[in-house]
């Protein structure tokens, strides 16, 4: 039906016939649910995100500014550890099952406020650490993920520090 209205509109509109009637029919059409994702709330346009995604927490998160990685279920995130690639940073805390906004690493349009795991100097590159926090250059052997550059100082663990985020890059310390 809608296709017929559009065809009539394009055929008859140049001669000015039935234009208002066709417009009112087109407006009256009810939107249909998405055929593959009928209950979709956030992320309505796949592939067109502007630096943030909505994800479901797989664990309790006490505060914002912690790094998260993909969880075991679809659209789920869990706290990132030092040797896992972070997907982004949570913009709020919550309990398991809550929907939260996740700022994507490397796609952000602003700096991030992140939680430090160690003292960090201004200008130092920062890496993923335990409990979703960040650290300065790692000293122990292993694979770590560089996530940004510190724009301030963190004198002790747990301090919030401003970071210019990068897309995560794997670094092997040997």
C-alpha atoms as a PDB file:
ATOM      1  CA  UNK A   1       0.000   0.000   0.000  1.00  0.00           C
ATOM      2  CA  UNK A   2       2.712   2.445   0.966  1.00  0.00           C
ATOM      3  CA  UNK A   3       4.601   1.694  -2.248  1.00  0.00           C
ATOM      4  CA  UNK A   4       1.468   2.437  -4.284  1.00  0.00           C
ATOM      5  CA  UNK A   5       1.060   5.786  -2.511  1.00  0.00           C
ATOM      6  CA  UNK A   6       4.658   6.721  -3.281  1.00  0.00           C
ATOM      7  CA  UNK A   7       4.256   5.764  -6.953  1.00  0.00           C
ATOM      8  CA  UNK A   8       1.070   7.839  -7.255  1.00  0.00           C
ATOM      9  CA  UNK A   9       2.755  10.739  -5.511  1.00  0.00           C
ATOM     10  CA  UNK A  10       5.651  10.827  -7.982  1.00  0.00           C
ATOM     11  CA  UNK A  11       3.368  10.411 -11.001  1.00  0.00           C
ATOM     12  CA  UNK A  12       0.684  12.896  -9.978  1.00  0.00           C
ATOM     13  CA  UNK A  13       2.705  15.521  -8.084  1.00  0.00           C
ATOM     14  CA  UNK A  14       4.182  17.194 -11.184  1.00  0.00           C
ATOM     15  CA  UNK A  15       0.694  18.025 -12.355  1.00  0.00           C
ATOM     16  CA  UNK A  16      -0.491  19.044  -8.887  1.00  0.00           C
ATOM     17  CA  UNK A  17      -3.163  16.386  -8.471  1.00  0.00           C
ATOM     18  CA  UNK A  18      -3.913  14.710  -5.155  1.00  0.00           C
ATOM     19  CA  UNK A  19      -0.757  16.016  -3.522  1.00  0.00           C
ATOM     20  CA  UNK A  20      -2.251  16.790  -0.094  1.00  0.00           C
ATOM     21  CA  UNK A  21      -4.241  13.536   0.004  1.00  0.00           C
ATOM     22  CA  UNK A  22      -1.130  11.487  -0.809  1.00  0.00           C
ATOM     23  CA  UNK A  23       0.893  13.248   1.875  1.00  0.00           C
ATOM     24  CA  UNK A  24      -1.731  12.547   4.521  1.00  0.00           C
ATOM     25  CA  UNK A  25      -1.754   8.848   3.561  1.00  0.00           C
ATOM     26  CA  UNK A  26       2.025   8.653   3.819  1.00  0.00           C
ATOM     27  CA  UNK A  27       2.015  10.220   7.305  1.00  0.00           C
ATOM     28  CA  UNK A  28      -0.657   7.794   8.538  1.00  0.00           C
ATOM     29  CA  UNK A  29       1.607   4.766   7.990  1.00  0.00           C
ATOM     30  CA  UNK A  30       2.579   3.126  11.291  1.00  0.00           C
ATOM     31  CA  UNK A  31       6.225   2.224  11.793  1.00  0.00           C
ATOM     32  CA  UNK A  32       6.961  -1.491  11.792  1.00  0.00           C
ATOM     33  CA  UNK A  33       9.340  -3.158  14.249  1.00  0.00           C
ATOM     34  CA  UNK A  34      12.775  -4.055  13.000  1.00  0.00           C
ATOM     35  CA  UNK A  35      12.554  -7.576  11.492  1.00  0.00           C
ATOM     36  CA  UNK A  36      15.692  -8.882  13.227  1.00  0.00           C
ATOM     37  CA  UNK A  37      15.768  -6.862  16.463  1.00  0.00           C
ATOM     38  CA  UNK A  38      12.151  -6.180  17.548  1.00  0.00           C
ATOM     39  CA  UNK A  39      13.050  -5.156  21.120  1.00  0.00           C
ATOM     40  CA  UNK A  40      16.029  -2.973  20.285  1.00  0.00           C
ATOM     41  CA  UNK A  41      16.266   0.150  22.472  1.00  0.00           C
ATOM     42  CA  UNK A  42      19.724   1.665  22.149  1.00  0.00           C
ATOM     43  CA  UNK A  43      22.181   1.401  19.276  1.00  0.00           C
ATOM     44  CA  UNK A  44      19.302   1.711  16.819  1.00  0.00           C
ATOM     45  CA  UNK A  45      21.563   2.184  13.820  1.00  0.00           C
ATOM     46  CA  UNK A  46      24.187  -0.529  13.624  1.00  0.00           C
ATOM     47  CA  UNK A  47      27.547   0.765  12.457  1.00  0.00           C
ATOM     48  CA  UNK A  48      26.836   4.435  13.129  1.00  0.00           C
ATOM     49  CA  UNK A  49      27.918   5.062  16.707  1.00  0.00           C
ATOM     50  CA  UNK A  50      29.530   8.310  17.742  1.00  0.00           C
ATOM     51  CA  UNK A  51      32.000   7.257  20.393  1.00  0.00           C
ATOM     52  CA  UNK A  52      29.572   5.531  22.775  1.00  0.00           C
ATOM     53  CA  UNK A  53      27.618   2.285  23.032  1.00  0.00           C
ATOM     54  CA  UNK A  54      24.989   1.024  25.432  1.00  0.00           C
ATOM     55  CA  UNK A  55      26.021  -2.260  27.040  1.00  0.00           C
ATOM     56  CA  UNK A  56      24.780  -4.503  29.861  1.00  0.00           C
ATOM     57  CA  UNK A  57      26.975  -4.911  32.944  1.00  0.00           C
ATOM     58  CA  UNK A  58      27.994  -8.504  33.638  1.00  0.00           C
ATOM     59  CA  UNK A  59      29.301  -7.597  37.101  1.00  0.00           C
ATOM     60  CA  UNK A  60      28.770  -4.847  39.671  1.00  0.00           C
ATOM     61  CA  UNK A  61      30.738  -1.691  38.851  1.00  0.00           C
ATOM     62  CA  UNK A  62      31.297   0.642  41.781  1.00  0.00           C
ATOM     63  CA  UNK A  63      32.258   3.821  39.933  1.00  0.00           C
ATOM     64  CA  UNK A  64      32.612   5.468  36.565  1.00  0.00           C
ATOM     65  CA  UNK A  65      35.940   5.729  34.766  1.00  0.00           C
ATOM     66  CA  UNK A  66      36.825   2.035  34.821  1.00  0.00           C
ATOM     67  CA  UNK A  67      37.913   0.086  31.735  1.00  0.00           C
ATOM     68  CA  UNK A  68      35.645  -2.709  30.536  1.00  0.00           C
ATOM     69  CA  UNK A  69      36.021  -5.554  28.058  1.00  0.00           C
ATOM     70  CA  UNK A  70      33.510  -7.678  26.175  1.00  0.00           C
ATOM     71  CA  UNK A  71      31.735 -10.192  28.404  1.00  0.00           C
ATOM     72  CA  UNK A  72      30.621 -13.741  27.681  1.00  0.00           C
ATOM     73  CA  UNK A  73      27.085 -12.761  26.596  1.00  0.00           C
ATOM     74  CA  UNK A  74      26.154 -10.537  23.636  1.00  0.00           C
ATOM     75  CA  UNK A  75      26.252  -6.786  24.416  1.00  0.00           C
ATOM     76  CA  UNK A  76      27.720  -7.486  27.863  1.00  0.00           C
ATOM     77  CA  UNK A  77      30.788  -5.889  29.444  1.00  0.00           C
ATOM     78  CA  UNK A  78      32.862  -6.856  32.477  1.00  0.00           C
ATOM     79  CA  UNK A  79      35.739  -5.163  34.285  1.00  0.00           C
ATOM     80  CA  UNK A  80      38.988  -5.310  32.306  1.00  0.00           C
ATOM     81  CA  UNK A  81      42.240  -6.660  33.727  1.00  0.00           C
ATOM     82  CA  UNK A  82      45.805  -5.689  32.848  1.00  0.00           C
ATOM     83  CA  UNK A  83      46.242  -8.293  30.106  1.00  0.00           C
ATOM     84  CA  UNK A  84      42.875  -7.991  28.297  1.00  0.00           C
ATOM     85  CA  UNK A  85      41.992  -5.598  25.507  1.00  0.00           C
ATOM     86  CA  UNK A  86      39.547  -2.964  26.769  1.00  0.00           C
ATOM     87  CA  UNK A  87      36.466  -2.143  24.712  1.00  0.00           C
ATOM     88  CA  UNK A  88      35.907   1.160  26.443  1.00  0.00           C
ATOM     89  CA  UNK A  89      35.270   2.946  29.712  1.00  0.00           C
ATOM     90  CA  UNK A  90      32.019   2.946  31.696  1.00  0.00           C
ATOM     91  CA  UNK A  91      30.446   6.355  32.120  1.00  0.00           C
ATOM     92  CA  UNK A  92      28.531   5.332  35.255  1.00  0.00           C
ATOM     93  CA  UNK A  93      28.525   2.627  37.865  1.00  0.00           C
ATOM     94  CA  UNK A  94      25.778   0.065  38.339  1.00  0.00           C
ATOM     95  CA  UNK A  95      24.852  -3.465  39.282  1.00  0.00           C
ATOM     96  CA  UNK A  96      25.012  -6.572  37.120  1.00  0.00           C
ATOM     97  CA  UNK A  97      22.251  -6.440  34.504  1.00  0.00           C
ATOM     98  CA  UNK A  98      22.091  -2.629  34.331  1.00  0.00           C
ATOM     99  CA  UNK A  99      22.390  -0.884  30.972  1.00  0.00           C
ATOM    100  CA  UNK A 100      25.285   1.593  30.949  1.00  0.00           C
ATOM    101  CA  UNK A 101      26.958   3.883  28.461  1.00  0.00           C
ATOM    102  CA  UNK A 102      30.439   2.786  27.404  1.00  0.00           C
ATOM    103  CA  UNK A 103      32.781   5.368  25.859  1.00  0.00           C
ATOM    104  CA  UNK A 104      34.762   3.668  23.101  1.00  0.00           C
ATOM    105  CA  UNK A 105      38.545   3.842  23.244  1.00  0.00           C
ATOM    106  CA  UNK A 106      39.929   5.572  20.165  1.00  0.00           C
ATOM    107  CA  UNK A 107      36.544   6.929  19.039  1.00  0.00           C
ATOM    108  CA  UNK A 108      36.008   9.500  21.767  1.00  0.00           C
ATOM    109  CA  UNK A 109      35.421  13.148  21.030  1.00  0.00           C
ATOM    110  CA  UNK A 110      36.731  14.206  24.446  1.00  0.00           C
ATOM    111  CA  UNK A 111      39.189  13.268  27.163  1.00  0.00           C
ATOM    112  CA  UNK A 112      38.303  10.644  29.804  1.00  0.00           C
ATOM    113  CA  UNK A 113      38.473  10.791  33.595  1.00  0.00           C
ATOM    114  CA  UNK A 114      39.936   7.431  34.596  1.00  0.00           C
ATOM    115  CA  UNK A 115      40.949   5.771  37.861  1.00  0.00           C
ATOM    116  CA  UNK A 116      44.652   5.120  38.498  1.00  0.00           C
ATOM    117  CA  UNK A 117      46.117   1.883  39.876  1.00  0.00           C
ATOM    118  CA  UNK A 118      49.609   3.343  40.387  1.00  0.00           C
ATOM    119  CA  UNK A 119      51.182   6.799  40.573  1.00  0.00           C
ATOM    120  CA  UNK A 120      51.197   8.348  37.058  1.00  0.00           C
ATOM    121  CA  UNK A 121      53.106  11.345  35.731  1.00  0.00           C
ATOM    122  CA  UNK A 122      51.662  13.943  33.384  1.00  0.00           C
ATOM    123  CA  UNK A 123      52.465  13.142  29.746  1.00  0.00           C
ATOM    124  CA  UNK A 124      53.136   9.454  30.459  1.00  0.00           C
ATOM    125  CA  UNK A 125      51.444   6.829  28.310  1.00  0.00           C
ATOM    126  CA  UNK A 126      48.935   4.817  30.320  1.00  0.00           C
ATOM    127  CA  UNK A 127      48.065   1.118  30.113  1.00  0.00           C
ATOM    128  CA  UNK A 128      45.187  -1.083  31.266  1.00  0.00           C
ATOM    129  CA  UNK A 129      45.698  -2.362  34.827  1.00  0.00           C
ATOM    130  CA  UNK A 130      43.811  -4.592  37.245  1.00  0.00           C
ATOM    131  CA  UNK A 131      40.246  -3.824  38.358  1.00  0.00           C
ATOM    132  CA  UNK A 132      39.588  -1.676  35.265  1.00  0.00           C
ATOM    133  CA  UNK A 133      42.102   0.967  36.341  1.00  0.00           C
ATOM    134  CA  UNK A 134      45.099   2.422  34.500  1.00  0.00           C
ATOM    135  CA  UNK A 135      48.830   2.361  35.215  1.00  0.00           C
ATOM    136  CA  UNK A 136      51.997   3.930  33.903  1.00  0.00           C
ATOM    137  CA  UNK A 137      54.491   1.950  31.822  1.00  0.00           C
ATOM    138  CA  UNK A 138      54.399  -1.664  33.110  1.00  0.00           C
ATOM    139  CA  UNK A 139      57.527  -3.140  34.686  1.00  0.00           C
ATOM    140  CA  UNK A 140      56.519  -6.828  34.802  1.00  0.00           C
ATOM    141  CA  UNK A 141      56.753  -9.122  31.768  1.00  0.00           C
ATOM    142  CA  UNK A 142      53.565  -9.720  29.777  1.00  0.00           C
ATOM    143  CA  UNK A 143      51.214  -8.292  27.209  1.00  0.00           C
ATOM    144  CA  UNK A 144      49.583  -4.990  28.111  1.00  0.00           C
ATOM    145  CA  UNK A 145      47.283  -2.572  26.282  1.00  0.00           C
ATOM    146  CA  UNK A 146      48.207   1.069  25.871  1.00  0.00           C
ATOM    147  CA  UNK A 147      45.031   3.132  26.183  1.00  0.00           C
ATOM    148  CA  UNK A 148      46.079   6.787  26.265  1.00  0.00           C
ATOM    149  CA  UNK A 149      48.256   9.602  27.531  1.00  0.00           C
ATOM    150  CA  UNK A 150      47.943  11.130  30.998  1.00  0.00           C
ATOM    151  CA  UNK A 151      47.031  14.823  31.029  1.00  0.00           C
ATOM    152  CA  UNK A 152      47.540  15.188  34.767  1.00  0.00           C
ATOM    153  CA  UNK A 153      49.189  13.587  37.806  1.00  0.00           C
ATOM    154  CA  UNK A 154      47.999  10.704  39.973  1.00  0.00           C
ATOM    155  CA  UNK A 155      50.054  10.653  43.164  1.00  0.00           C
ATOM    156  CA  UNK A 156      48.529   7.465  44.616  1.00  0.00           C
ATOM    157  CA  UNK A 157      46.296   4.570  43.532  1.00  0.00           C
ATOM    158  CA  UNK A 158      42.588   5.332  43.220  1.00  0.00           C
ATOM    159  CA  UNK A 159      42.986   8.942  42.112  1.00  0.00           C
ATOM    160  CA  UNK A 160      40.990  10.138  39.112  1.00  0.00           C
ATOM    161  CA  UNK A 161      43.156  11.421  36.282  1.00  0.00           C
ATOM    162  CA  UNK A 162      42.347  13.013  32.925  1.00  0.00           C
ATOM    163  CA  UNK A 163      43.467  10.913  29.940  1.00  0.00           C
ATOM    164  CA  UNK A 164      43.590  11.522  26.195  1.00  0.00           C
ATOM    165  CA  UNK A 165      42.327   8.088  25.030  1.00  0.00           C
ATOM    166  CA  UNK A 166      43.892   5.994  22.247  1.00  0.00           C
ATOM    167  CA  UNK A 167      42.565   2.926  20.509  1.00  0.00           C
ATOM    168  CA  UNK A 168      43.994   0.018  22.560  1.00  0.00           C
ATOM    169  CA  UNK A 169      47.381  -1.131  21.294  1.00  0.00           C
ATOM    170  CA  UNK A 170      48.981  -4.401  22.410  1.00  0.00           C
ATOM    171  CA  UNK A 171      52.496  -3.962  23.851  1.00  0.00           C
ATOM    172  CA  UNK A 172      54.662  -6.966  24.798  1.00  0.00           C
ATOM    173  CA  UNK A 173      57.020  -6.324  27.733  1.00  0.00           C
ATOM    174  CA  UNK A 174      59.850  -8.870  27.871  1.00  0.00           C
END
